[in-house]
C-alpha atoms as a PDB file:
ATOM      1  CA  MET A   1     -41.373  60.597  62.713  1.00  0.00           C
ATOM      2  CA  SER A   2     -44.164  61.710  60.386  1.00  0.00           C
ATOM      3  CA  LYS A   3     -45.207  59.581  57.458  1.00  0.00           C
ATOM      4  CA  ASN A   4     -43.694  61.981  54.903  1.00  0.00           C
ATOM      5  CA  ARG A   5     -40.336  62.198  56.670  1.00  0.00           C
ATOM      6  CA  ARG A   6     -40.205  58.412  57.036  1.00  0.00           C
ATOM      7  CA  SER A   7     -40.839  57.986  53.326  1.00  0.00           C
ATOM      8  CA  LEU A   8     -38.103  60.521  52.458  1.00  0.00           C
ATOM      9  CA  PHE A   9     -35.651  58.739  54.778  1.00  0.00           C
ATOM     10  CA  LEU A  10     -36.331  55.378  53.109  1.00  0.00           C
ATOM     11  CA  VAL A  11     -35.774  56.870  49.649  1.00  0.00           C
ATOM     12  CA  ILE A  12     -32.399  58.338  50.686  1.00  0.00           C
ATOM     13  CA  VAL A  13     -31.266  55.012  52.166  1.00  0.00           C
ATOM     14  CA  LEU A  14     -32.336  53.157  49.027  1.00  0.00           C
ATOM     15  CA  ILE A  15     -30.422  55.563  46.739  1.00  0.00           C
ATOM     16  CA  THR A  16     -27.312  55.276  48.905  1.00  0.00           C
ATOM     17  CA  LEU A  17     -27.352  51.479  48.792  1.00  0.00           C
ATOM     18  CA  LEU A  18     -27.796  51.435  45.017  1.00  0.00           C
ATOM     19  CA  SER A  19     -25.032  53.980  44.372  1.00  0.00           C
ATOM     20  CA  ILE A  20     -22.268  51.720  45.732  1.00  0.00           C
ATOM     21  CA  PRO A  21     -22.446  48.919  43.096  1.00  0.00           C
ATOM     22  CA  ILE A  22     -23.160  51.475  40.363  1.00  0.00           C
ATOM     23  CA  GLY A  23     -20.037  53.440  41.317  1.00  0.00           C
ATOM     24  CA  ARG A  24     -17.950  50.285  41.360  1.00  0.00           C
ATOM     25  CA  PHE A  25     -19.282  49.300  37.948  1.00  0.00           C
ATOM     26  CA  ILE A  26     -18.401  52.700  36.463  1.00  0.00           C
ATOM     27  CA  ALA A  27     -14.913  52.689  38.037  1.00  0.00           C
ATOM     28  CA  SER A  28     -14.197  49.219  36.705  1.00  0.00           C
ATOM     29  CA  HIS A  29     -15.098  50.251  33.159  1.00  0.00           C
ATOM     30  CA  ARG A  30     -13.587  53.737  33.117  1.00  0.00           C
ATOM     31  CA  GLN A  31     -10.514  54.235  30.938  1.00  0.00           C
ATOM     32  CA  PRO A  32      -7.558  55.497  32.972  1.00  0.00           C
ATOM     33  CA  ARG A  33      -6.799  59.120  32.187  1.00  0.00           C
ATOM     34  CA  HIS A  34      -3.565  59.900  30.333  1.00  0.00           C
ATOM     35  CA  GLY A  35      -0.504  59.586  32.490  1.00  0.00           C
ATOM     36  CA  THR A  36      -1.924  57.282  35.157  1.00  0.00           C
ATOM     37  CA  ASP A  37      -1.306  53.746  36.261  1.00  0.00           C
ATOM     38  CA  ILE A  38      -4.092  52.050  38.234  1.00  0.00           C
ATOM     39  CA  SER A  39      -2.585  48.569  38.384  1.00  0.00           C
ATOM     40  CA  ASN A  40      -3.060  46.800  41.715  1.00  0.00           C
ATOM     41  CA  GLY A  41      -5.903  49.202  42.465  1.00  0.00           C
ATOM     42  CA  ARG A  42      -3.471  52.048  43.180  1.00  0.00           C
ATOM     43  CA  TYR A  43      -2.905  55.349  41.427  1.00  0.00           C
ATOM     44  CA  ARG A  44       0.581  56.498  40.670  1.00  0.00           C
ATOM     45  CA  PRO A  45       1.900  59.009  38.130  1.00  0.00           C
ATOM     46  CA  THR A  46       3.702  57.532  35.136  1.00  0.00           C
ATOM     47  CA  SER A  47       6.452  58.817  32.866  1.00  0.00           C
ATOM     48  CA  GLY A  48       6.527  62.527  32.276  1.00  0.00           C
ATOM     49  CA  LEU A  49       4.279  63.507  35.206  1.00  0.00           C
ATOM     50  CA  THR A  50       5.376  65.463  38.224  1.00  0.00           C
ATOM     51  CA  ASN A  51       4.043  64.986  41.728  1.00  0.00           C
ATOM     52  CA  LYS A  52       4.909  67.031  44.782  1.00  0.00           C
ATOM     53  CA  LEU A  53       8.136  65.170  45.463  1.00  0.00           C
ATOM     54  CA  PHE A  54       9.444  63.591  42.286  1.00  0.00           C
ATOM     55  CA  THR A  55       9.663  64.132  38.565  1.00  0.00           C
ATOM     56  CA  PHE A  56       9.337  60.948  36.549  1.00  0.00           C
ATOM     57  CA  PRO A  57      11.332  61.287  33.296  1.00  0.00           C
ATOM     58  CA  LYS A  58       9.930  60.031  30.020  1.00  0.00           C
ATOM     59  CA  PRO A  59      11.684  57.106  28.346  1.00  0.00           C
ATOM     60  CA  ILE A  60      13.848  58.337  25.479  1.00  0.00           C
ATOM     61  CA  THR A  61      12.770  57.368  21.973  1.00  0.00           C
ATOM     62  CA  THR A  62      15.583  57.937  19.534  1.00  0.00           C
ATOM     63  CA  LYS A  63      16.287  57.468  15.878  1.00  0.00           C
ATOM     64  CA  THR A  64      19.877  56.788  14.960  1.00  0.00           C
ATOM     65  CA  PRO A  65      21.355  58.523  11.905  1.00  0.00           C
ATOM     66  CA  THR A  66      21.503  56.762   8.557  1.00  0.00           C
ATOM     67  CA  SER A  67      23.900  57.240   5.689  1.00  0.00           C
ATOM     68  CA  SER A  68      26.445  55.634   3.451  1.00  0.00           C
ATOM     69  CA  LEU A  69      28.731  58.408   4.715  1.00  0.00           C
ATOM     70  CA  ASP A  70      30.173  56.057   7.346  1.00  0.00           C
ATOM     71  CA  LEU A  71      26.971  56.601   9.349  1.00  0.00           C
ATOM     72  CA  VAL A  72      25.253  53.929  11.400  1.00  0.00           C
ATOM     73  CA  SER A  73      22.199  52.059  10.169  1.00  0.00           C
ATOM     74  CA  SER A  74      18.668  53.243  10.898  1.00  0.00           C
ATOM     75  CA  SER A  75      16.774  51.912  13.886  1.00  0.00           C
ATOM     76  CA  THR A  76      14.272  53.131  16.432  1.00  0.00           C
ATOM     77  CA  GLU A  77      14.937  52.254  20.045  1.00  0.00           C
ATOM     78  CA  THR A  78      13.240  53.158  23.292  1.00  0.00           C
ATOM     79  CA  ARG A  79      15.451  53.167  26.367  1.00  0.00           C
ATOM     80  CA  SER A  80      15.175  54.617  29.822  1.00  0.00           C
ATOM     81  CA  LEU A  81      17.987  56.361  31.674  1.00  0.00           C
ATOM     82  CA  THR A  82      20.012  53.288  32.559  1.00  0.00           C
ATOM     83  CA  THR A  83      23.698  52.519  32.616  1.00  0.00           C
ATOM     84  CA  SER A  84      24.917  51.734  29.138  1.00  0.00           C
ATOM     85  CA  SER A  85      25.338  48.004  28.595  1.00  0.00           C
ATOM     86  CA  LYS A  86      27.035  48.364  25.206  1.00  0.00           C
ATOM     87  CA  LYS A  87      30.548  47.104  24.711  1.00  0.00           C
ATOM     88  CA  TYR A  88      32.943  49.775  23.576  1.00  0.00           C
ATOM     89  CA  ASN A  89      35.020  49.442  20.445  1.00  0.00           C
ATOM     90  CA  SER A  90      38.311  47.602  20.578  1.00  0.00           C
ATOM     91  CA  SER A  91      41.258  49.873  21.352  1.00  0.00           C
ATOM     92  CA  LYS A  92      42.523  48.889  17.901  1.00  0.00           C
ATOM     93  CA  VAL A  93      39.916  51.195  16.353  1.00  0.00           C
ATOM     94  CA  TYR A  94      41.274  54.211  18.198  1.00  0.00           C
ATOM     95  CA  ILE A  95      44.881  53.295  17.485  1.00  0.00           C
ATOM     96  CA  GLU A  96      44.077  53.179  13.769  1.00  0.00           C
ATOM     97  CA  ARG A  97      42.279  56.523  13.907  1.00  0.00           C
ATOM     98  CA  LYS A  98      45.202  58.084  15.726  1.00  0.00           C
ATOM     99  CA  GLN A  99      47.679  56.618  13.257  1.00  0.00           C
ATOM    100  CA  LEU A 100      45.690  58.029  10.330  1.00  0.00           C
ATOM    101  CA  VAL A 101      45.869  61.519  11.856  1.00  0.00           C
ATOM    102  CA  GLN A 102      49.612  61.190  12.386  1.00  0.00           C
ATOM    103  CA  ASP A 103      50.154  60.023   8.798  1.00  0.00           C
ATOM    104  CA  GLU A 104      48.061  62.796   7.250  1.00  0.00           C
ATOM    105  CA  CYS A 105      49.616  65.456   9.464  1.00  0.00           C
ATOM    106  CA  LYS A 106      52.969  64.800   7.791  1.00  0.00           C
ATOM    107  CA  LEU A 107      51.503  66.521   4.725  1.00  0.00           C
ATOM    108  CA  TYR A 108      49.716  69.257   6.684  1.00  0.00           C
ATOM    109  CA  LYS A 109      51.203  72.652   5.836  1.00  0.00           C
ATOM    110  CA  ARG A 110      49.345  75.072   8.117  1.00  0.00           C
ATOM    111  CA  THR A 111      51.320  77.097  10.642  1.00  0.00           C
ATOM    112  CA  LYS A 112      50.905  76.040  14.243  1.00  0.00           C
ATOM    113  CA  PRO A 113      48.630  78.450  16.123  1.00  0.00           C
ATOM    114  CA  ASP A 114      49.645  80.005  19.409  1.00  0.00           C
ATOM    115  CA  ASP A 115      49.504  77.489  22.280  1.00  0.00           C
ATOM    116  CA  SER A 116      47.029  79.655  24.167  1.00  0.00           C
ATOM    117  CA  ALA A 117      44.562  79.389  21.287  1.00  0.00           C
ATOM    118  CA  ILE A 118      44.712  75.598  21.505  1.00  0.00           C
ATOM    119  CA  TYR A 119      44.601  75.416  25.289  1.00  0.00           C
ATOM    120  CA  ARG A 120      41.536  77.641  25.543  1.00  0.00           C
ATOM    121  CA  ARG A 121      39.640  75.035  23.558  1.00  0.00           C
ATOM    122  CA  LEU A 122      40.383  72.203  25.987  1.00  0.00           C
ATOM    123  CA  LEU A 123      37.878  71.656  28.787  1.00  0.00           C
ATOM    124  CA  VAL A 124      39.419  70.205  31.949  1.00  0.00           C
ATOM    125  CA  ASP A 125      38.052  67.599  34.333  1.00  0.00           C
ATOM    126  CA  GLU A 126      40.402  67.364  37.309  1.00  0.00           C
ATOM    127  CA  LYS A 127      38.593  64.532  39.087  1.00  0.00           C
ATOM    128  CA  TYR A 128      38.723  62.066  36.192  1.00  0.00           C
ATOM    129  CA  ASN A 129      41.827  63.623  34.658  1.00  0.00           C
ATOM    130  CA  PHE A 130      40.807  64.287  31.062  1.00  0.00           C
ATOM    131  CA  LEU A 131      40.929  67.075  28.502  1.00  0.00           C
ATOM    132  CA  TYR A 132      38.051  67.341  26.038  1.00  0.00           C
ATOM    133  CA  CYS A 133      38.006  69.531  22.938  1.00  0.00           C
ATOM    134  CA  PRO A 134      34.368  70.368  22.112  1.00  0.00           C
ATOM    135  CA  ILE A 135      33.290  70.818  18.490  1.00  0.00           C
ATOM    136  CA  THR A 136      29.894  72.349  17.813  1.00  0.00           C
ATOM    137  CA  LYS A 137      27.370  70.076  16.075  1.00  0.00           C
ATOM    138  CA  VAL A 138      29.253  66.970  17.229  1.00  0.00           C
ATOM    139  CA  ALA A 139      27.405  65.919  20.406  1.00  0.00           C
ATOM    140  CA  ASN A 140      28.957  68.857  22.208  1.00  0.00           C
ATOM    141  CA  THR A 141      25.889  69.353  24.419  1.00  0.00           C
ATOM    142  CA  ALA A 142      25.826  65.656  25.322  1.00  0.00           C
ATOM    143  CA  TRP A 143      29.454  65.701  26.437  1.00  0.00           C
ATOM    144  CA  ARG A 144      29.052  68.883  28.442  1.00  0.00           C
ATOM    145  CA  THR A 145      26.133  67.233  30.232  1.00  0.00           C
ATOM    146  CA  VAL A 146      28.297  64.193  30.987  1.00  0.00           C
ATOM    147  CA  MET A 147      30.949  66.503  32.440  1.00  0.00           C
ATOM    148  CA  LEU A 148      28.389  68.164  34.709  1.00  0.00           C
ATOM    149  CA  VAL A 149      27.358  64.779  36.110  1.00  0.00           C
ATOM    150  CA  LEU A 150      30.947  63.601  36.587  1.00  0.00           C
ATOM    151  CA  ARG A 151      31.897  66.678  38.580  1.00  0.00           C
ATOM    152  CA  GLY A 152      28.700  66.591  40.633  1.00  0.00           C
ATOM    153  CA  SER A 153      27.041  69.772  39.339  1.00  0.00           C
ATOM    154  CA  ILE A 154      23.936  67.726  38.501  1.00  0.00           C
ATOM    155  CA  LYS A 155      22.902  64.242  39.606  1.00  0.00           C
ATOM    156  CA  SER A 156      21.848  62.784  36.259  1.00  0.00           C
ATOM    157  CA  VAL A 157      21.575  63.720  32.604  1.00  0.00           C
ATOM    158  CA  SER A 158      17.776  63.844  32.923  1.00  0.00           C
ATOM    159  CA  GLU A 159      18.044  66.742  35.344  1.00  0.00           C
ATOM    160  CA  LEU A 160      18.499  69.243  32.497  1.00  0.00           C
ATOM    161  CA  LYS A 161      15.263  69.770  30.599  1.00  0.00           C
ATOM    162  CA  THR A 162      16.777  71.585  27.602  1.00  0.00           C
ATOM    163  CA  GLY A 163      20.155  71.292  25.918  1.00  0.00           C
ATOM    164  CA  GLY A 164      20.795  75.004  26.251  1.00  0.00           C
ATOM    165  CA  GLN A 165      20.988  74.702  30.027  1.00  0.00           C
ATOM    166  CA  VAL A 166      24.460  73.155  29.872  1.00  0.00           C
ATOM    167  CA  TYR A 167      25.865  76.484  28.691  1.00  0.00           C
ATOM    168  CA  LEU A 168      24.745  78.199  31.888  1.00  0.00           C
ATOM    169  CA  TYR A 169      27.513  76.355  33.735  1.00  0.00           C
ATOM    170  CA  HIS A 170      31.177  77.280  33.808  1.00  0.00           C
ATOM    171  CA  TYR A 171      33.697  74.825  32.349  1.00  0.00           C
ATOM    172  CA  ARG A 172      37.315  75.408  33.196  1.00  0.00           C
ATOM    173  CA  ASN A 173      39.664  75.310  30.215  1.00  0.00           C
ATOM    174  CA  LEU A 174      43.372  74.555  30.110  1.00  0.00           C
ATOM    175  CA  GLY A 175      44.144  78.162  29.142  1.00  0.00           C
ATOM    176  CA  GLY A 176      43.124  79.224  32.638  1.00  0.00           C
ATOM    177  CA  PHE A 177      46.011  77.326  34.250  1.00  0.00           C
ATOM    178  CA  SER A 178      49.561  78.535  34.728  1.00  0.00           C
ATOM    179  CA  THR A 179      52.132  77.582  32.083  1.00  0.00           C
ATOM    180  CA  ARG A 180      53.696  75.125  34.528  1.00  0.00           C
ATOM    181  CA  ASP A 181      50.359  73.456  35.283  1.00  0.00           C
ATOM    182  CA  GLN A 182      49.494  73.337  31.594  1.00  0.00           C
ATOM    183  CA  GLN A 183      52.638  71.410  30.749  1.00  0.00           C
ATOM    184  CA  ALA A 184      52.234  69.135  33.757  1.00  0.00           C
ATOM    185  CA  ARG A 185      48.715  68.195  32.674  1.00  0.00           C
ATOM    186  CA  LEU A 186      49.655  67.648  29.047  1.00  0.00           C
ATOM    187  CA  LYS A 187      52.604  65.406  29.977  1.00  0.00           C
ATOM    188  CA  GLY A 188      50.901  63.607  32.832  1.00  0.00           C
ATOM    189  CA  ASP A 189      48.568  60.609  32.819  1.00  0.00           C
ATOM    190  CA  VAL A 190      45.710  62.536  31.225  1.00  0.00           C
ATOM    191  CA  THR A 191      43.259  61.359  28.573  1.00  0.00           C
ATOM    192  CA  LYS A 192      42.863  63.829  25.714  1.00  0.00           C
ATOM    193  CA  PHE A 193      39.932  63.241  23.400  1.00  0.00           C
ATOM    194  CA  VAL A 194      37.812  64.861  20.696  1.00  0.00           C
ATOM    195  CA  PHE A 195      34.705  63.821  18.745  1.00  0.00           C
ATOM    196  CA  VAL A 196      34.323  64.483  15.003  1.00  0.00           C
ATOM    197  CA  ARG A 197      31.591  64.092  12.377  1.00  0.00           C
ATOM    198  CA  HIS A 198      31.229  63.783   8.622  1.00  0.00           C
ATOM    199  CA  PRO A 199      31.943  67.339   7.387  1.00  0.00           C
ATOM    200  CA  PHE A 200      28.933  67.587   5.054  1.00  0.00           C
ATOM    201  CA  SER A 201      26.561  66.245   7.685  1.00  0.00           C
ATOM    202  CA  ARG A 202      27.905  68.693  10.282  1.00  0.00           C
ATOM    203  CA  LEU A 203      27.650  71.645   7.884  1.00  0.00           C
ATOM    204  CA  LEU A 204      24.039  70.844   7.009  1.00  0.00           C
ATOM    205  CA  SER A 205      23.176  70.427  10.682  1.00  0.00           C
ATOM    206  CA  ALA A 206      24.598  73.872  11.425  1.00  0.00           C
ATOM    207  CA  TYR A 207      22.636  75.482   8.577  1.00  0.00           C
ATOM    208  CA  ARG A 208      19.326  73.892   9.555  1.00  0.00           C
ATOM    209  CA  ASP A 209      19.816  74.612  13.244  1.00  0.00           C
ATOM    210  CA  LYS A 210      20.794  78.272  12.889  1.00  0.00           C
ATOM    211  CA  PHE A 211      18.889  79.388   9.796  1.00  0.00           C
ATOM    212  CA  GLU A 212      16.018  77.060   8.999  1.00  0.00           C
ATOM    213  CA  ASP A 213      14.224  74.902  11.584  1.00  0.00           C
ATOM    214  CA  LYS A 214      14.068  77.353  14.477  1.00  0.00           C
ATOM    215  CA  PRO A 215      16.250  80.156  13.186  1.00  0.00           C
ATOM    216  CA  GLU A 216      18.144  82.312  15.633  1.00  0.00           C
ATOM    217  CA  LEU A 217      17.445  85.942  14.860  1.00  0.00           C
ATOM    218  CA  THR A 218      20.978  87.019  15.763  1.00  0.00           C
ATOM    219  CA  PHE A 219      22.436  84.560  13.238  1.00  0.00           C
ATOM    220  CA  LEU A 220      19.930  85.540  10.556  1.00  0.00           C
ATOM    221  CA  GLU A 221      20.644  89.227  10.997  1.00  0.00           C
ATOM    222  CA  ARG A 222      24.397  88.670  11.056  1.00  0.00           C
ATOM    223  CA  TYR A 223      24.630  86.459   7.969  1.00  0.00           C
ATOM    224  CA  SER A 224      21.667  87.485   5.842  1.00  0.00           C
ATOM    225  CA  TYR A 225      23.472  90.506   4.386  1.00  0.00           C
ATOM    226  CA  VAL A 226      26.810  88.795   3.663  1.00  0.00           C
ATOM    227  CA  VAL A 227      25.197  85.691   2.179  1.00  0.00           C
ATOM    228  CA  LYS A 228      22.851  87.651  -0.072  1.00  0.00           C
ATOM    229  CA  ARG A 229      25.687  89.948  -1.140  1.00  0.00           C
ATOM    230  CA  ALA A 230      27.782  86.884  -2.053  1.00  0.00           C
ATOM    231  CA  VAL A 231      25.030  85.551  -4.329  1.00  0.00           C
ATOM    232  CA  GLY A 232      23.894  88.908  -5.739  1.00  0.00           C
ATOM    233  CA  ARG A 233      20.530  89.215  -3.974  1.00  0.00           C
ATOM    234  CA  ARG A 234      19.194  92.703  -3.237  1.00  0.00           C
ATOM    235  CA  ASP A 235      15.927  91.952  -1.422  1.00  0.00           C
ATOM    236  CA  VAL A 236      15.249  92.661   2.267  1.00  0.00           C
ATOM    237  CA  ALA A 237      14.247  89.132   3.284  1.00  0.00           C
ATOM    238  CA  LEU A 238      16.292  87.603   6.095  1.00  0.00           C
ATOM    239  CA  ARG A 239      16.023  83.984   4.957  1.00  0.00           C
ATOM    240  CA  PHE A 240      18.356  82.372   2.442  1.00  0.00           C
ATOM    241  CA  GLU A 241      18.587  78.885   0.955  1.00  0.00           C
ATOM    242  CA  PHE A 242      21.180  76.224   1.712  1.00  0.00           C
ATOM    243  CA  GLU A 243      22.747  76.523  -1.738  1.00  0.00           C
ATOM    244  CA  GLU A 244      23.114  80.287  -1.218  1.00  0.00           C
ATOM    245  CA  PHE A 245      24.785  79.656   2.127  1.00  0.00           C
ATOM    246  CA  VAL A 246      27.225  77.232   0.471  1.00  0.00           C
ATOM    247  CA  ARG A 247      28.046  79.749  -2.269  1.00  0.00           C
ATOM    248  CA  TYR A 248      28.878  82.291   0.426  1.00  0.00           C
ATOM    249  CA  LEU A 249      31.219  79.732   2.051  1.00  0.00           C
ATOM    250  CA  LEU A 250      32.917  79.060  -1.280  1.00  0.00           C
ATOM    251  CA  LYS A 251      33.843  82.759  -1.512  1.00  0.00           C
ATOM    252  CA  THR A 252      35.130  82.918   2.074  1.00  0.00           C
ATOM    253  CA  ASP A 253      38.403  81.706   3.566  1.00  0.00           C
ATOM    254  CA  PRO A 254      37.642  78.784   5.946  1.00  0.00           C
ATOM    255  CA  SER A 255      39.654  80.409   8.727  1.00  0.00           C
ATOM    256  CA  MET A 256      36.987  83.148   8.747  1.00  0.00           C
ATOM    257  CA  TYR A 257      34.068  80.747   9.205  1.00  0.00           C
ATOM    258  CA  ASN A 258      31.874  80.830  12.301  1.00  0.00           C
ATOM    259  CA  VAL A 259      32.805  78.152  14.836  1.00  0.00           C
ATOM    260  CA  HIS A 260      29.594  76.231  14.055  1.00  0.00           C
ATOM    261  CA  TRP A 261      30.878  75.426  10.551  1.00  0.00           C
ATOM    262  CA  LEU A 262      34.586  76.092  11.012  1.00  0.00           C
ATOM    263  CA  PRO A 263      36.535  73.044   9.770  1.00  0.00           C
ATOM    264  CA  MET A 264      37.103  70.711  12.699  1.00  0.00           C
ATOM    265  CA  HIS A 265      40.868  70.588  12.268  1.00  0.00           C
ATOM    266  CA  LEU A 266      40.907  74.372  12.812  1.00  0.00           C
ATOM    267  CA  VAL A 267      38.897  73.993  16.023  1.00  0.00           C
ATOM    268  CA  CYS A 268      40.898  71.326  17.848  1.00  0.00           C
ATOM    269  CA  HIS A 269      44.178  71.251  15.862  1.00  0.00           C
ATOM    270  CA  PRO A 270      44.885  67.489  15.872  1.00  0.00           C
ATOM    271  CA  CYS A 271      48.182  68.018  14.043  1.00  0.00           C
ATOM    272  CA  PHE A 272      49.510  70.056  16.945  1.00  0.00           C
ATOM    273  CA  LEU A 273      47.940  68.230  19.896  1.00  0.00           C
ATOM    274  CA  ASP A 274      48.273  64.482  20.325  1.00  0.00           C
ATOM    275  CA  TYR A 275      44.770  63.235  21.162  1.00  0.00           C
ATOM    276  CA  ASP A 276      44.527  59.821  22.792  1.00  0.00           C
ATOM    277  CA  VAL A 277      40.990  59.106  21.575  1.00  0.00           C
ATOM    278  CA  MET A 278      39.335  60.258  18.368  1.00  0.00           C
ATOM    279  CA  GLY A 279      35.628  59.580  18.792  1.00  0.00           C
ATOM    280  CA  LYS A 280      33.039  59.889  16.038  1.00  0.00           C
ATOM    281  CA  TYR A 281      29.453  61.151  15.990  1.00  0.00           C
ATOM    282  CA  GLU A 282      28.516  58.158  13.846  1.00  0.00           C
ATOM    283  CA  THR A 283      29.719  55.683  16.519  1.00  0.00           C
ATOM    284  CA  PHE A 284      28.981  57.867  19.528  1.00  0.00           C
ATOM    285  CA  ASP A 285      27.496  55.188  21.802  1.00  0.00           C
ATOM    286  CA  ALA A 286      30.459  52.831  21.490  1.00  0.00           C
ATOM    287  CA  ASP A 287      33.003  55.646  21.645  1.00  0.00           C
ATOM    288  CA  ILE A 288      31.577  57.281  24.750  1.00  0.00           C
ATOM    289  CA  ASP A 289      31.661  53.871  26.444  1.00  0.00           C
ATOM    290  CA  TYR A 290      35.329  53.551  25.554  1.00  0.00           C
ATOM    291  CA  VAL A 291      36.160  57.003  26.909  1.00  0.00           C
ATOM    292  CA  MET A 292      34.231  56.331  30.136  1.00  0.00           C
ATOM    293  CA  HIS A 293      36.153  53.085  30.550  1.00  0.00           C
ATOM    294  CA  ARG A 294      39.477  54.772  29.877  1.00  0.00           C
ATOM    295  CA  ILE A 295      38.922  57.511  32.476  1.00  0.00           C
ATOM    296  CA  ASN A 296      37.731  54.929  35.035  1.00  0.00           C
ATOM    297  CA  ALA A 297      34.175  56.254  35.089  1.00  0.00           C
ATOM    298  CA  ASP A 298      32.426  52.959  34.271  1.00  0.00           C
ATOM    299  CA  GLY A 299      29.078  52.796  36.058  1.00  0.00           C
ATOM    300  CA  VAL A 300      29.419  56.305  37.485  1.00  0.00           C
ATOM    301  CA  LEU A 301      27.007  57.847  35.030  1.00  0.00           C
ATOM    302  CA  THR A 302      23.668  56.896  33.528  1.00  0.00           C
ATOM    303  CA  PHE A 303      22.769  58.381  30.176  1.00  0.00           C
ATOM    304  CA  PRO A 304      20.284  57.599  27.384  1.00  0.00           C
ATOM    305  CA  HIS A 305      20.985  56.028  24.062  1.00  0.00           C
ATOM    306  CA  PHE A 306      22.396  58.889  21.992  1.00  0.00           C
ATOM    307  CA  ALA A 307      19.686  60.896  20.270  1.00  0.00           C
ATOM    308  CA  PRO A 308      20.846  62.954  17.294  1.00  0.00           C
ATOM    309  CA  HIS A 309      19.972  66.630  17.202  1.00  0.00           C
ATOM    310  CA  GLY A 310      16.474  67.468  16.050  1.00  0.00           C
ATOM    311  CA  THR A 311      17.757  68.561  12.656  1.00  0.00           C
ATOM    312  CA  ASN A 312      18.616  64.894  11.964  1.00  0.00           C
ATOM    313  CA  SER A 313      21.078  66.033   9.316  1.00  0.00           C
ATOM    314  CA  SER A 314      22.856  62.669   9.219  1.00  0.00           C
ATOM    315  CA  SER A 315      19.979  61.104   7.304  1.00  0.00           C
ATOM    316  CA  ILE A 316      21.126  60.114   3.842  1.00  0.00           C
ATOM    317  CA  ASP A 317      17.800  61.227   2.342  1.00  0.00           C
ATOM    318  CA  ILE A 318      18.043  64.666   3.934  1.00  0.00           C
ATOM    319  CA  ILE A 319      21.643  65.054   2.807  1.00  0.00           C
ATOM    320  CA  LYS A 320      20.659  64.204  -0.766  1.00  0.00           C
ATOM    321  CA  ARG A 321      17.735  66.609  -0.688  1.00  0.00           C
ATOM    322  CA  TYR A 322      19.949  69.552   0.204  1.00  0.00           C
ATOM    323  CA  TYR A 323      23.178  68.720  -1.593  1.00  0.00           C
ATOM    324  CA  ASN A 324      21.410  67.892  -4.843  1.00  0.00           C
ATOM    325  CA  ARG A 325      20.728  71.618  -5.111  1.00  0.00           C
ATOM    326  CA  LEU A 326      24.448  72.101  -5.743  1.00  0.00           C
ATOM    327  CA  THR A 327      26.326  71.467  -8.953  1.00  0.00           C
ATOM    328  CA  LYS A 328      29.076  68.859  -9.052  1.00  0.00           C
ATOM    329  CA  HIS A 329      31.594  71.666  -9.346  1.00  0.00           C
ATOM    330  CA  GLU A 330      30.220  73.345  -6.205  1.00  0.00           C
ATOM    331  CA  ILE A 331      30.358  70.048  -4.302  1.00  0.00           C
ATOM    332  CA  GLN A 332      33.973  69.617  -5.361  1.00  0.00           C
ATOM    333  CA  GLN A 333      34.771  73.166  -4.217  1.00  0.00           C
ATOM    334  CA  LEU A 334      33.034  72.589  -0.902  1.00  0.00           C
ATOM    335  CA  TYR A 335      34.991  69.376  -0.421  1.00  0.00           C
ATOM    336  CA  GLU A 336      38.193  71.329  -0.916  1.00  0.00           C
ATOM    337  CA  LYS A 337      37.161  73.763   1.835  1.00  0.00           C
ATOM    338  CA  TYR A 338      36.818  70.831   4.248  1.00  0.00           C
ATOM    339  CA  GLU A 339      39.408  68.578   2.627  1.00  0.00           C
ATOM    340  CA  TRP A 340      41.580  68.198   5.713  1.00  0.00           C
ATOM    341  CA  ASP A 341      38.587  67.175   7.812  1.00  0.00           C
ATOM    342  CA  PHE A 342      37.904  64.403   5.300  1.00  0.00           C
ATOM    343  CA  LYS A 343      41.536  63.275   5.222  1.00  0.00           C
ATOM    344  CA  LEU A 344      42.450  63.509   8.908  1.00  0.00           C
ATOM    345  CA  PHE A 345      39.333  61.837  10.235  1.00  0.00           C
ATOM    346  CA  GLY A 346      38.894  59.119   7.635  1.00  0.00           C
ATOM    347  CA  TYR A 347      35.818  60.285   5.747  1.00  0.00           C
ATOM    348  CA  GLU A 348      35.517  59.457   2.059  1.00  0.00           C
ATOM    349  CA  TYR A 349      34.637  61.887  -0.678  1.00  0.00           C
ATOM    350  CA  PRO A 350      30.829  61.525  -0.992  1.00  0.00           C
ATOM    351  CA  SER A 351      30.782  60.157  -4.540  1.00  0.00           C
ATOM    352  CA  ASP A 352      28.400  57.392  -3.433  1.00  0.00           C
ATOM    353  CA  LEU A 353      25.674  59.875  -2.496  1.00  0.00           C
ATOM    354  CA  GLY A 354      24.421  60.355  -6.008  1.00  0.00           C
ATOM    355  CA  ILE A 355      24.484  64.118  -5.491  1.00  0.00           C
ATOM    356  CA  GLY A 356      25.428  66.874  -7.882  1.00  0.00           C
END
């Protein structure tokens, strides 16, 4: 080997030997890139990353609703998709809720709708033998997801990446059964339940969801004209304010409302169908535990701590911000539109809100 080649060879060997400790030093001081875990000297993807075989779901961070409107207190909680360990409410709570409905229904004067109209609203689960009446803006998406897991359409609630995916599935309703089967299910050992929400909170959630936060063009186009006509506006803008929306509702018969803000008693007709469990949005975690226990589905399903819809319209501060745009007279009129929801489901007139 010539002198020059030998010198070059020695230089390469020297660089190679030095690069090993330098590389180790750099690796030991390098910050792990986002989404990695290098504990025990091994790399593995962490929450939210997808490898070739598995998707690792992110832990759910949720903020529970706050309000003096019979809403739960504020807290922030991070929980993964684990079986709920919460104890459900005592059955006494649901007996009292049911008794209140029965007492108020004695004064209820509306004509009973056709049975088919009621039965079409009831979603059927044949495996766990229950009938559920969904009400929009009252954890409807969450319950539909639960139903998909219970019947085996999906393996876990984390399998659906967006709430809208639940509506791509078919849910059989009681109206699709024969008259004989309908009566057999209603009289048999079936659990009938519905979930409700404070009427003003639900109404605000519907407005913000459909017209404000991420407005749906079809809703804007459909209601922009009628709302603006109701308040005397002549411009071509699609958007309208919450107070304008309310003034349109005040001039409209509640039976003509869209299902997203239709009074809840006109959706599920509790005076004409004897529900076994009356759950509430404000106590959703405890109430869903009770329903799961009652239908013998304890431990069958894993689901996250309930996360309110992104509009977060159960926040007392948000409610004040919107409803303070109304006069006291308008608030009273709006209460009268939803009066039976307040009475049947045990919600107080919101005099403690400091609104109006």
